[in-house]
Amino acid sequence: MESRPRVAVVSSLLMFVLFVFGGLLIGGTLGQLAAWLWLPNASFADTITLSSAPSSFENGRWALLTLQGVSMTVGFGILPWIFVKYTDPLRSYFQNNKEKVRHNAMLFTLAALITLVSMPFILFIGTLNQSMQLPDFLSGLENWMRNKEDSIAELTRYITAFDSHWQFAFGLLIVAVLPGIAEEYCFRGILQKRLRLLFSNPHVAIVLAAVVFSAIHVQFYGFLPRFLLGAMFGYLFYWSGNLKVAMFAHFVNNAAALFAVYLSGTQEMLENPAMQEVESMPTLIGSAAVSLVLCGFLLHYFYKISTQNNAYPSPSEQD
């Protein structure tokens, strides 16, 4: 890559980071305003404590879902879209180097199957992640991480204890639909493509984008399973050239967990697969092994269909 395009890529990435964090700040404020509409007996200042004590508010679950939905949509969707549309230094590059995006209904079916089949393996990796222990001299950090994880788990249990079908439908929108669209657009559609231009290596770009995707959720004991999911979504996008495929896979993953929670009444399944109690480690290992083999076969089949008679999609493809 020539020096001038590399400078433009670095500038694009730095601006992208500023827009995302700025979007999260703006989205958080707008989310508080939107959540306030659900809280008739509270002042706007009270919404600051909504995330730490939502059960103390009337309509707290509706308000918290609204807060999360608005914050995420603005931070990962709207502000990044404004960046790409109006201020990105690479705007003209992507406009002048568009390639036709391949559309194949089979890719969406395979993406859904891959996502569902991978779940036992993701569960196994999550269990290993949960058992991670830091050295004694980092015990303070480990305690802080555990406490942070426990608070997120408690919040997740509350937010997914739906009172009605309508609340579940709203939760499905906030937990599955919006993240599938906004997060994939942000981390695969924008970040991954620019990292690929920077490093001229799609695998490095996919891995780094997955690392950022997992880290930004700030759930340390769910980092590895979320990283693997991010990498899987990244390859689905890279091989197919169609961002909608990755969005659909992301939606299927979140929706499947949410449906399991709603039907079983066990909120732990949504917090992190690793938080589920596993009675038999051999059973978990066996199901993980079968899951890995089947997932590998489906990924290979997806790869063949995606790339048959086609070159790999370039990072300039817009979806």
C-alpha atoms as a PDB file:
ATOM      1  CA  MET A   1       0.000   0.000   0.000  1.00  0.00           C
ATOM      2  CA  GLU A   2       1.328   3.430  -0.851  1.00  0.00           C
ATOM      3  CA  SER A   3       2.157   5.834   1.963  1.00  0.00           C
ATOM      4  CA  ARG A   4      -0.631   8.268   1.119  1.00  0.00           C
ATOM      5  CA  PRO A   5      -3.452   5.666   1.248  1.00  0.00           C
ATOM      6  CA  ARG A   6      -1.953   4.261   4.471  1.00  0.00           C
ATOM      7  CA  VAL A   7      -2.086   7.708   6.057  1.00  0.00           C
ATOM      8  CA  ALA A   8      -5.685   8.018   4.905  1.00  0.00           C
ATOM      9  CA  VAL A   9      -6.533   4.619   6.426  1.00  0.00           C
ATOM     10  CA  VAL A  10      -4.960   5.552   9.777  1.00  0.00           C
ATOM     11  CA  SER A  11      -6.790   8.884   9.730  1.00  0.00           C
ATOM     12  CA  SER A  12     -10.023   7.074   8.908  1.00  0.00           C
ATOM     13  CA  LEU A  13      -9.574   4.644  11.808  1.00  0.00           C
ATOM     14  CA  LEU A  14      -8.796   7.436  14.290  1.00  0.00           C
ATOM     15  CA  MET A  15     -11.830   9.420  13.199  1.00  0.00           C
ATOM     16  CA  PHE A  16     -13.946   6.283  13.376  1.00  0.00           C
ATOM     17  CA  VAL A  17     -12.908   5.708  17.005  1.00  0.00           C
ATOM     18  CA  LEU A  18     -13.788   9.309  17.884  1.00  0.00           C
ATOM     19  CA  PHE A  19     -17.181   8.999  16.225  1.00  0.00           C
ATOM     20  CA  VAL A  20     -17.967   5.724  18.024  1.00  0.00           C
ATOM     21  CA  PHE A  21     -17.071   7.010  21.474  1.00  0.00           C
ATOM     22  CA  GLY A  22     -18.758  10.325  20.760  1.00  0.00           C
ATOM     23  CA  GLY A  23     -21.789   8.394  19.549  1.00  0.00           C
ATOM     24  CA  LEU A  24     -21.889   6.329  22.730  1.00  0.00           C
ATOM     25  CA  LEU A  25     -21.814   9.509  24.831  1.00  0.00           C
ATOM     26  CA  ILE A  26     -24.529  11.166  22.756  1.00  0.00           C
ATOM     27  CA  GLY A  27     -26.491   7.920  22.592  1.00  0.00           C
ATOM     28  CA  GLY A  28     -26.280   7.537  26.362  1.00  0.00           C
ATOM     29  CA  THR A  29     -27.757  10.993  26.878  1.00  0.00           C
ATOM     30  CA  LEU A  30     -30.489  10.467  24.288  1.00  0.00           C
ATOM     31  CA  GLY A  31     -31.151   7.046  25.784  1.00  0.00           C
ATOM     32  CA  GLN A  32     -31.659   8.595  29.202  1.00  0.00           C
ATOM     33  CA  LEU A  33     -34.130  11.055  27.715  1.00  0.00           C
ATOM     34  CA  ALA A  34     -36.013   8.253  25.969  1.00  0.00           C
ATOM     35  CA  ALA A  35     -35.955   6.089  29.124  1.00  0.00           C
ATOM     36  CA  TRP A  36     -37.299   9.009  31.161  1.00  0.00           C
ATOM     37  CA  LEU A  37     -40.528   8.806  29.169  1.00  0.00           C
ATOM     38  CA  TRP A  38     -41.152   5.420  30.819  1.00  0.00           C
ATOM     39  CA  LEU A  39     -40.636   6.827  34.326  1.00  0.00           C
ATOM     40  CA  PRO A  40     -43.605   9.069  35.173  1.00  0.00           C
ATOM     41  CA  ASN A  41     -42.699   9.487  38.840  1.00  0.00           C
ATOM     42  CA  ALA A  42     -38.976  10.110  38.388  1.00  0.00           C
ATOM     43  CA  SER A  43     -36.895  13.152  37.560  1.00  0.00           C
ATOM     44  CA  PHE A  44     -34.404  13.154  34.718  1.00  0.00           C
ATOM     45  CA  ALA A  45     -31.580  13.059  37.266  1.00  0.00           C
ATOM     46  CA  ASP A  46     -32.999   9.778  38.577  1.00  0.00           C
ATOM     47  CA  THR A  47     -32.265   8.095  35.233  1.00  0.00           C
ATOM     48  CA  ILE A  48     -28.565   8.180  36.155  1.00  0.00           C
ATOM     49  CA  THR A  49     -29.229   5.390  38.653  1.00  0.00           C
ATOM     50  CA  LEU A  50     -31.442   3.398  36.280  1.00  0.00           C
ATOM     51  CA  SER A  51     -28.695   0.940  35.294  1.00  0.00           C
ATOM     52  CA  SER A  52     -27.657   0.266  38.869  1.00  0.00           C
ATOM     53  CA  ALA A  53     -31.139  -0.097  40.382  1.00  0.00           C
ATOM     54  CA  PRO A  54     -33.731  -0.552  37.622  1.00  0.00           C
ATOM     55  CA  SER A  55     -36.120  -2.574  39.804  1.00  0.00           C
ATOM     56  CA  SER A  56     -36.704   0.476  41.999  1.00  0.00           C
ATOM     57  CA  PHE A  57     -38.488   2.246  39.147  1.00  0.00           C
ATOM     58  CA  GLU A  58     -41.970   1.713  37.801  1.00  0.00           C
ATOM     59  CA  ASN A  59     -41.552   0.437  34.213  1.00  0.00           C
ATOM     60  CA  GLY A  60     -37.844   0.006  34.946  1.00  0.00           C
ATOM     61  CA  ARG A  61     -37.441  -2.887  32.503  1.00  0.00           C
ATOM     62  CA  TRP A  62     -39.006  -0.944  29.627  1.00  0.00           C
ATOM     63  CA  ALA A  63     -36.887   2.077  30.466  1.00  0.00           C
ATOM     64  CA  LEU A  64     -33.647   0.115  30.686  1.00  0.00           C
ATOM     65  CA  LEU A  65     -34.280  -1.676  27.393  1.00  0.00           C
ATOM     66  CA  THR A  66     -34.980   1.701  25.779  1.00  0.00           C
ATOM     67  CA  LEU A  67     -31.805   3.194  27.238  1.00  0.00           C
ATOM     68  CA  GLN A  68     -29.683   0.335  25.918  1.00  0.00           C
ATOM     69  CA  GLY A  69     -31.340   0.333  22.511  1.00  0.00           C
ATOM     70  CA  VAL A  70     -30.941   4.056  21.882  1.00  0.00           C
ATOM     71  CA  SER A  71     -27.371   4.178  23.194  1.00  0.00           C
ATOM     72  CA  MET A  72     -26.243   1.227  21.066  1.00  0.00           C
ATOM     73  CA  THR A  73     -28.053   2.360  17.919  1.00  0.00           C
ATOM     74  CA  VAL A  74     -26.599   5.856  18.075  1.00  0.00           C
ATOM     75  CA  GLY A  75     -23.104   4.750  19.124  1.00  0.00           C
ATOM     76  CA  PHE A  76     -22.651   1.800  16.772  1.00  0.00           C
ATOM     77  CA  GLY A  77     -25.088   2.701  14.023  1.00  0.00           C
ATOM     78  CA  ILE A  78     -26.067   6.307  13.433  1.00  0.00           C
ATOM     79  CA  LEU A  79     -22.820   8.120  14.280  1.00  0.00           C
ATOM     80  CA  PRO A  80     -20.650   5.592  12.368  1.00  0.00           C
ATOM     81  CA  TRP A  81     -23.031   5.990   9.395  1.00  0.00           C
ATOM     82  CA  ILE A  82     -22.616   9.777   9.536  1.00  0.00           C
ATOM     83  CA  PHE A  83     -18.849   9.262   9.644  1.00  0.00           C
ATOM     84  CA  VAL A  84     -18.877   7.015   6.551  1.00  0.00           C
ATOM     85  CA  LYS A  85     -21.310   9.225   4.670  1.00  0.00           C
ATOM     86  CA  TYR A  86     -19.802  12.648   5.282  1.00  0.00           C
ATOM     87  CA  THR A  87     -16.380  12.775   6.976  1.00  0.00           C
ATOM     88  CA  ASP A  88     -14.471   9.555   6.230  1.00  0.00           C
ATOM     89  CA  PRO A  89     -11.108  10.296   4.508  1.00  0.00           C
ATOM     90  CA  LEU A  90     -11.637   7.053   2.545  1.00  0.00           C
ATOM     91  CA  ARG A  91     -15.096   8.043   1.350  1.00  0.00           C
ATOM     92  CA  SER A  92     -14.067   8.657  -2.260  1.00  0.00           C
ATOM     93  CA  TYR A  93     -11.908   5.504  -2.289  1.00  0.00           C
ATOM     94  CA  PHE A  94     -14.813   3.251  -1.374  1.00  0.00           C
ATOM     95  CA  GLN A  95     -17.160   5.068  -3.740  1.00  0.00           C
ATOM     96  CA  ASN A  96     -14.759   4.560  -6.652  1.00  0.00           C
ATOM     97  CA  ASN A  97     -13.917   0.930  -5.868  1.00  0.00           C
ATOM     98  CA  LYS A  98     -17.301  -0.674  -5.394  1.00  0.00           C
ATOM     99  CA  GLU A  99     -17.780  -4.276  -6.385  1.00  0.00           C
ATOM    100  CA  LYS A 100     -21.018  -6.158  -6.832  1.00  0.00           C
ATOM    101  CA  VAL A 101     -22.138  -7.810  -3.629  1.00  0.00           C
ATOM    102  CA  ARG A 102     -23.139 -11.446  -4.092  1.00  0.00           C
ATOM    103  CA  HIS A 103     -26.633 -12.403  -2.968  1.00  0.00           C
ATOM    104  CA  ASN A 104     -27.487 -16.044  -2.383  1.00  0.00           C
ATOM    105  CA  ALA A 105     -30.336 -17.199  -0.157  1.00  0.00           C
ATOM    106  CA  MET A 106     -28.370 -20.337   0.709  1.00  0.00           C
ATOM    107  CA  LEU A 107     -25.721 -18.194   2.399  1.00  0.00           C
ATOM    108  CA  PHE A 108     -28.273 -16.908   4.910  1.00  0.00           C
ATOM    109  CA  THR A 109     -29.506 -20.426   5.655  1.00  0.00           C
ATOM    110  CA  LEU A 110     -25.960 -21.674   6.152  1.00  0.00           C
ATOM    111  CA  ALA A 111     -25.065 -18.675   8.316  1.00  0.00           C
ATOM    112  CA  ALA A 112     -27.997 -19.470  10.612  1.00  0.00           C
ATOM    113  CA  LEU A 113     -27.038 -23.166  10.796  1.00  0.00           C
ATOM    114  CA  ILE A 114     -23.388 -22.342  11.492  1.00  0.00           C
ATOM    115  CA  THR A 115     -24.409 -20.005  14.295  1.00  0.00           C
ATOM    116  CA  LEU A 116     -26.721 -22.547  15.934  1.00  0.00           C
ATOM    117  CA  VAL A 117     -24.364 -25.486  15.508  1.00  0.00           C
ATOM    118  CA  SER A 118     -21.456 -23.528  16.997  1.00  0.00           C
ATOM    119  CA  MET A 119     -23.261 -22.900  20.295  1.00  0.00           C
ATOM    120  CA  PRO A 120     -22.067 -26.022  22.209  1.00  0.00           C
ATOM    121  CA  PHE A 121     -18.461 -25.227  21.281  1.00  0.00           C
ATOM    122  CA  ILE A 122     -18.935 -21.575  22.283  1.00  0.00           C
ATOM    123  CA  LEU A 123     -20.377 -22.816  25.580  1.00  0.00           C
ATOM    124  CA  PHE A 124     -17.288 -24.944  26.190  1.00  0.00           C
ATOM    125  CA  ILE A 125     -14.923 -22.024  25.463  1.00  0.00           C
ATOM    126  CA  GLY A 126     -17.025 -19.803  27.699  1.00  0.00           C
ATOM    127  CA  THR A 127     -16.756 -22.322  30.526  1.00  0.00           C
ATOM    128  CA  LEU A 128     -12.979 -22.285  30.215  1.00  0.00           C
ATOM    129  CA  ASN A 129     -13.017 -18.482  30.153  1.00  0.00           C
ATOM    130  CA  GLN A 130     -15.127 -18.432  33.317  1.00  0.00           C
ATOM    131  CA  SER A 131     -12.618 -20.617  35.149  1.00  0.00           C
ATOM    132  CA  MET A 132      -9.732 -18.270  34.367  1.00  0.00           C
ATOM    133  CA  GLN A 133      -7.715 -17.213  37.395  1.00  0.00           C
ATOM    134  CA  LEU A 134      -5.145 -14.441  37.534  1.00  0.00           C
ATOM    135  CA  PRO A 135      -1.877 -14.588  39.513  1.00  0.00           C
ATOM    136  CA  ASP A 136      -2.057 -13.637  43.190  1.00  0.00           C
ATOM    137  CA  PHE A 137      -0.454 -10.246  42.633  1.00  0.00           C
ATOM    138  CA  LEU A 138      -3.402  -9.386  40.354  1.00  0.00           C
ATOM    139  CA  SER A 139      -6.041 -10.470  42.858  1.00  0.00           C
ATOM    140  CA  GLY A 140      -7.336  -6.908  43.150  1.00  0.00           C
ATOM    141  CA  LEU A 141      -7.905  -6.741  39.418  1.00  0.00           C
ATOM    142  CA  GLU A 142      -9.535 -10.163  39.423  1.00  0.00           C
ATOM    143  CA  ASN A 143     -11.928  -9.177  42.216  1.00  0.00           C
ATOM    144  CA  TRP A 144     -12.884  -6.035  40.314  1.00  0.00           C
ATOM    145  CA  MET A 145     -13.478  -8.055  37.141  1.00  0.00           C
ATOM    146  CA  ARG A 146     -15.594 -10.609  39.019  1.00  0.00           C
ATOM    147  CA  ASN A 147     -17.667  -7.880  40.651  1.00  0.00           C
ATOM    148  CA  LYS A 148     -18.170  -6.186  37.292  1.00  0.00           C
ATOM    149  CA  GLU A 149     -19.253  -9.501  35.780  1.00  0.00           C
ATOM    150  CA  ASP A 150     -21.657 -10.169  38.656  1.00  0.00           C
ATOM    151  CA  SER A 151     -23.292  -6.751  38.286  1.00  0.00           C
ATOM    152  CA  ILE A 152     -23.777  -7.285  34.539  1.00  0.00           C
ATOM    153  CA  ALA A 153     -25.206 -10.746  35.230  1.00  0.00           C
ATOM    154  CA  GLU A 154     -27.690  -9.324  37.728  1.00  0.00           C
ATOM    155  CA  LEU A 155     -28.708  -6.616  35.267  1.00  0.00           C
ATOM    156  CA  THR A 156     -29.178  -9.214  32.531  1.00  0.00           C
ATOM    157  CA  ARG A 157     -31.343 -11.373  34.773  1.00  0.00           C
ATOM    158  CA  TYR A 158     -33.574  -8.406  35.471  1.00  0.00           C
ATOM    159  CA  ILE A 159     -33.814  -7.139  31.916  1.00  0.00           C
ATOM    160  CA  THR A 160     -34.759 -10.546  30.484  1.00  0.00           C
ATOM    161  CA  ALA A 161     -37.422 -11.443  33.079  1.00  0.00           C
ATOM    162  CA  PHE A 162     -40.141 -10.378  30.650  1.00  0.00           C
ATOM    163  CA  ASP A 163     -43.633  -9.723  31.999  1.00  0.00           C
ATOM    164  CA  SER A 164     -45.536 -10.124  28.732  1.00  0.00           C
ATOM    165  CA  HIS A 165     -45.300 -11.135  25.086  1.00  0.00           C
ATOM    166  CA  TRP A 166     -45.125  -7.466  24.130  1.00  0.00           C
ATOM    167  CA  GLN A 167     -42.182  -6.909  26.440  1.00  0.00           C
ATOM    168  CA  PHE A 168     -40.466  -9.957  24.987  1.00  0.00           C
ATOM    169  CA  ALA A 169     -41.024  -8.599  21.459  1.00  0.00           C
ATOM    170  CA  PHE A 170     -39.503  -5.276  22.529  1.00  0.00           C
ATOM    171  CA  GLY A 171     -36.606  -7.147  24.124  1.00  0.00           C
ATOM    172  CA  LEU A 172     -36.084  -9.096  20.906  1.00  0.00           C
ATOM    173  CA  LEU A 173     -35.793  -5.793  19.041  1.00  0.00           C
ATOM    174  CA  ILE A 174     -33.278  -4.371  21.537  1.00  0.00           C
ATOM    175  CA  VAL A 175     -31.245  -7.537  22.213  1.00  0.00           C
ATOM    176  CA  ALA A 176     -31.222  -9.212  18.787  1.00  0.00           C
ATOM    177  CA  VAL A 177     -32.391  -7.028  15.898  1.00  0.00           C
ATOM    178  CA  LEU A 178     -30.621  -3.748  16.677  1.00  0.00           C
ATOM    179  CA  PRO A 179     -27.289  -5.328  17.745  1.00  0.00           C
ATOM    180  CA  GLY A 180     -27.296  -7.529  14.651  1.00  0.00           C
ATOM    181  CA  ILE A 181     -27.593  -4.484  12.434  1.00  0.00           C
ATOM    182  CA  ALA A 182     -25.661  -1.785  14.302  1.00  0.00           C
ATOM    183  CA  GLU A 183     -22.771  -3.841  15.702  1.00  0.00           C
ATOM    184  CA  GLU A 184     -22.096  -5.676  12.448  1.00  0.00           C
ATOM    185  CA  TYR A 185     -22.222  -2.431  10.491  1.00  0.00           C
ATOM    186  CA  CYS A 186     -19.769  -0.870  12.933  1.00  0.00           C
ATOM    187  CA  PHE A 187     -17.283  -3.672  13.572  1.00  0.00           C
ATOM    188  CA  ARG A 188     -17.392  -5.648  10.330  1.00  0.00           C
ATOM    189  CA  GLY A 189     -18.761  -3.156   7.811  1.00  0.00           C
ATOM    190  CA  ILE A 190     -16.500  -0.286   8.869  1.00  0.00           C
ATOM    191  CA  LEU A 191     -13.696  -1.375  11.189  1.00  0.00           C
ATOM    192  CA  GLN A 192     -12.829  -4.728   9.583  1.00  0.00           C
ATOM    193  CA  LYS A 193     -12.699  -3.291   6.068  1.00  0.00           C
ATOM    194  CA  ARG A 194     -10.373  -0.470   7.106  1.00  0.00           C
ATOM    195  CA  LEU A 195      -8.113  -2.802   9.061  1.00  0.00           C
ATOM    196  CA  ARG A 196      -7.891  -4.960   5.963  1.00  0.00           C
ATOM    197  CA  LEU A 197      -6.719  -1.964   3.962  1.00  0.00           C
ATOM    198  CA  LEU A 198      -4.202  -1.086   6.660  1.00  0.00           C
ATOM    199  CA  PHE A 199      -2.636  -4.534   7.031  1.00  0.00           C
ATOM    200  CA  SER A 200      -3.347  -5.949   3.550  1.00  0.00           C
ATOM    201  CA  ASN A 201      -4.271  -9.173   5.318  1.00  0.00           C
ATOM    202  CA  PRO A 202      -7.924 -10.157   5.771  1.00  0.00           C
ATOM    203  CA  HIS A 203      -7.195 -12.616   8.583  1.00  0.00           C
ATOM    204  CA  VAL A 204      -5.395 -10.005  10.685  1.00  0.00           C
ATOM    205  CA  ALA A 205      -8.281  -7.614  10.066  1.00  0.00           C
ATOM    206  CA  ILE A 206     -10.887 -10.193  11.097  1.00  0.00           C
ATOM    207  CA  VAL A 207      -9.014 -11.111  14.291  1.00  0.00           C
ATOM    208  CA  LEU A 208      -8.369  -7.505  15.348  1.00  0.00           C
ATOM    209  CA  ALA A 209     -11.960  -6.465  14.646  1.00  0.00           C
ATOM    210  CA  ALA A 210     -13.150  -9.437  16.720  1.00  0.00           C
ATOM    211  CA  VAL A 211     -10.841  -8.440  19.584  1.00  0.00           C
ATOM    212  CA  VAL A 212     -12.227  -4.890  19.598  1.00  0.00           C
ATOM    213  CA  PHE A 213     -15.791  -6.194  19.281  1.00  0.00           C
ATOM    214  CA  SER A 214     -15.366  -8.436  22.313  1.00  0.00           C
ATOM    215  CA  ALA A 215     -13.395  -5.961  24.410  1.00  0.00           C
ATOM    216  CA  ILE A 216     -15.865  -3.102  23.993  1.00  0.00           C
ATOM    217  CA  HIS A 217     -18.561  -5.154  25.744  1.00  0.00           C
ATOM    218  CA  VAL A 218     -16.405  -5.054  28.916  1.00  0.00           C
ATOM    219  CA  GLN A 219     -17.294  -8.582  29.993  1.00  0.00           C
ATOM    220  CA  PHE A 220     -13.933 -10.114  30.836  1.00  0.00           C
ATOM    221  CA  TYR A 221     -15.170 -13.621  31.599  1.00  0.00           C
ATOM    222  CA  GLY A 222     -17.081 -13.720  28.346  1.00  0.00           C
ATOM    223  CA  PHE A 223     -14.263 -12.337  26.219  1.00  0.00           C
ATOM    224  CA  LEU A 224     -13.223 -15.565  24.479  1.00  0.00           C
ATOM    225  CA  PRO A 225     -16.682 -16.771  23.344  1.00  0.00           C
ATOM    226  CA  ARG A 226     -17.599 -13.285  22.126  1.00  0.00           C
ATOM    227  CA  PHE A 227     -14.253 -13.038  20.317  1.00  0.00           C
ATOM    228  CA  LEU A 228     -14.912 -16.341  18.544  1.00  0.00           C
ATOM    229  CA  LEU A 229     -18.374 -15.167  17.529  1.00  0.00           C
ATOM    230  CA  GLY A 230     -16.914 -11.925  16.210  1.00  0.00           C
ATOM    231  CA  ALA A 231     -14.323 -13.810  14.185  1.00  0.00           C
ATOM    232  CA  MET A 232     -17.004 -16.133  12.806  1.00  0.00           C
ATOM    233  CA  PHE A 233     -19.154 -13.178  11.752  1.00  0.00           C
ATOM    234  CA  GLY A 234     -16.045 -11.610  10.226  1.00  0.00           C
ATOM    235  CA  TYR A 235     -15.338 -14.624   8.031  1.00  0.00           C
ATOM    236  CA  LEU A 236     -18.973 -14.900   6.989  1.00  0.00           C
ATOM    237  CA  PHE A 237     -18.743 -11.307   5.793  1.00  0.00           C
ATOM    238  CA  TYR A 238     -15.312 -11.742   4.200  1.00  0.00           C
ATOM    239  CA  TRP A 239     -16.207 -14.879   2.261  1.00  0.00           C
ATOM    240  CA  SER A 240     -19.654 -13.740   1.143  1.00  0.00           C
ATOM    241  CA  GLY A 241     -18.946 -10.045   0.667  1.00  0.00           C
ATOM    242  CA  ASN A 242     -22.451  -9.461   1.999  1.00  0.00           C
ATOM    243  CA  LEU A 243     -22.718  -7.668   5.315  1.00  0.00           C
ATOM    244  CA  LYS A 244     -26.368  -8.712   5.631  1.00  0.00           C
ATOM    245  CA  VAL A 245     -25.215 -12.324   6.049  1.00  0.00           C
ATOM    246  CA  ALA A 246     -23.145 -11.397   9.118  1.00  0.00           C
ATOM    247  CA  MET A 247     -26.007  -9.265  10.434  1.00  0.00           C
ATOM    248  CA  PHE A 248     -28.407 -12.196  10.091  1.00  0.00           C
ATOM    249  CA  ALA A 249     -26.009 -14.591  11.837  1.00  0.00           C
ATOM    250  CA  HIS A 250     -25.587 -12.113  14.701  1.00  0.00           C
ATOM    251  CA  PHE A 251     -29.363 -11.785  14.979  1.00  0.00           C
ATOM    252  CA  VAL A 252     -29.827 -15.571  15.029  1.00  0.00           C
ATOM    253  CA  ASN A 253     -27.255 -15.958  17.807  1.00  0.00           C
ATOM    254  CA  ASN A 254     -28.839 -13.347  20.068  1.00  0.00           C
ATOM    255  CA  ALA A 255     -32.418 -14.314  19.224  1.00  0.00           C
ATOM    256  CA  ALA A 256     -31.788 -18.011  19.920  1.00  0.00           C
ATOM    257  CA  ALA A 257     -30.438 -17.195  23.374  1.00  0.00           C
ATOM    258  CA  LEU A 258     -33.334 -14.849  24.086  1.00  0.00           C
ATOM    259  CA  PHE A 259     -35.942 -17.388  22.965  1.00  0.00           C
ATOM    260  CA  ALA A 260     -34.290 -20.012  25.175  1.00  0.00           C
ATOM    261  CA  VAL A 261     -34.489 -17.606  28.097  1.00  0.00           C
ATOM    262  CA  TYR A 262     -38.122 -16.766  27.412  1.00  0.00           C
ATOM    263  CA  LEU A 263     -39.233 -20.369  27.013  1.00  0.00           C
ATOM    264  CA  SER A 264     -37.220 -21.771  29.919  1.00  0.00           C
ATOM    265  CA  GLY A 265     -37.261 -18.824  32.294  1.00  0.00           C
ATOM    266  CA  THR A 266     -33.509 -19.237  32.870  1.00  0.00           C
ATOM    267  CA  GLN A 267     -31.887 -15.840  32.388  1.00  0.00           C
ATOM    268  CA  GLU A 268     -28.335 -17.135  32.834  1.00  0.00           C
ATOM    269  CA  MET A 269     -28.326 -18.474  29.272  1.00  0.00           C
ATOM    270  CA  LEU A 270     -28.309 -14.932  27.893  1.00  0.00           C
ATOM    271  CA  GLU A 271     -25.660 -13.452  30.157  1.00  0.00           C
ATOM    272  CA  ASN A 272     -22.929 -15.728  28.919  1.00  0.00           C
ATOM    273  CA  PRO A 273     -23.072 -19.367  27.852  1.00  0.00           C
ATOM    274  CA  ALA A 274     -20.312 -20.058  30.361  1.00  0.00           C
ATOM    275  CA  MET A 275     -22.562 -19.074  33.260  1.00  0.00           C
ATOM    276  CA  GLN A 276     -24.742 -22.117  32.800  1.00  0.00           C
ATOM    277  CA  GLU A 277     -24.174 -24.939  35.240  1.00  0.00           C
ATOM    278  CA  VAL A 278     -22.544 -27.915  33.592  1.00  0.00           C
ATOM    279  CA  GLU A 279     -23.146 -31.179  35.427  1.00  0.00           C
ATOM    280  CA  SER A 280     -20.817 -33.304  33.293  1.00  0.00           C
ATOM    281  CA  MET A 281     -17.582 -32.010  31.824  1.00  0.00           C
ATOM    282  CA  PRO A 282     -17.182 -35.091  29.568  1.00  0.00           C
ATOM    283  CA  THR A 283     -20.637 -34.383  28.136  1.00  0.00           C
ATOM    284  CA  LEU A 284     -19.690 -30.760  27.561  1.00  0.00           C
ATOM    285  CA  ILE A 285     -16.418 -31.752  25.882  1.00  0.00           C
ATOM    286  CA  GLY A 286     -18.181 -34.314  23.706  1.00  0.00           C
ATOM    287  CA  SER A 287     -20.862 -31.904  22.564  1.00  0.00           C
ATOM    288  CA  ALA A 288     -18.200 -29.250  21.935  1.00  0.00           C
ATOM    289  CA  ALA A 289     -16.199 -31.654  19.783  1.00  0.00           C
ATOM    290  CA  VAL A 290     -19.254 -32.601  17.700  1.00  0.00           C
ATOM    291  CA  SER A 291     -20.169 -28.929  17.432  1.00  0.00           C
ATOM    292  CA  LEU A 292     -16.676 -28.001  16.249  1.00  0.00           C
ATOM    293  CA  VAL A 293     -16.593 -30.721  13.574  1.00  0.00           C
ATOM    294  CA  LEU A 294     -20.059 -29.870  12.245  1.00  0.00           C
ATOM    295  CA  CYS A 295     -19.337 -26.163  12.356  1.00  0.00           C
ATOM    296  CA  GLY A 296     -16.077 -26.683  10.464  1.00  0.00           C
ATOM    297  CA  PHE A 297     -17.899 -28.673   7.785  1.00  0.00           C
ATOM    298  CA  LEU A 298     -20.597 -26.012   7.413  1.00  0.00           C
ATOM    299  CA  LEU A 299     -18.020 -23.219   7.298  1.00  0.00           C
ATOM    300  CA  HIS A 300     -16.142 -25.045   4.557  1.00  0.00           C
ATOM    301  CA  TYR A 301     -19.369 -25.495   2.604  1.00  0.00           C
ATOM    302  CA  PHE A 302     -20.211 -21.820   3.126  1.00  0.00           C
ATOM    303  CA  TYR A 303     -16.730 -20.904   1.878  1.00  0.00           C
ATOM    304  CA  LYS A 304     -17.141 -23.033  -1.252  1.00  0.00           C
ATOM    305  CA  ILE A 305     -20.520 -21.582  -2.138  1.00  0.00           C
ATOM    306  CA  SER A 306     -19.387 -18.029  -1.413  1.00  0.00           C
ATOM    307  CA  THR A 307     -16.203 -18.162  -3.464  1.00  0.00           C
ATOM    308  CA  GLN A 308     -17.208 -20.508  -6.274  1.00  0.00           C
ATOM    309  CA  ASN A 309     -16.401 -18.793  -9.563  1.00  0.00           C
ATOM    310  CA  ASN A 310     -15.748 -15.575  -7.657  1.00  0.00           C
ATOM    311  CA  ALA A 311     -12.646 -13.881  -6.318  1.00  0.00           C
ATOM    312  CA  TYR A 312     -12.599 -12.920  -2.662  1.00  0.00           C
ATOM    313  CA  PRO A 313     -14.533  -9.703  -2.076  1.00  0.00           C
ATOM    314  CA  SER A 314     -12.374  -6.630  -1.835  1.00  0.00           C
ATOM    315  CA  PRO A 315     -12.510  -4.470   1.300  1.00  0.00           C
ATOM    316  CA  SER A 316     -14.004  -1.698  -0.809  1.00  0.00           C
ATOM    317  CA  GLU A 317     -17.344  -3.469  -1.145  1.00  0.00           C
ATOM    318  CA  GLN A 318     -20.223  -1.517   0.323  1.00  0.00           C
ATOM    319  CA  ASP A 319     -23.347  -3.250   1.479  1.00  0.00           C
END
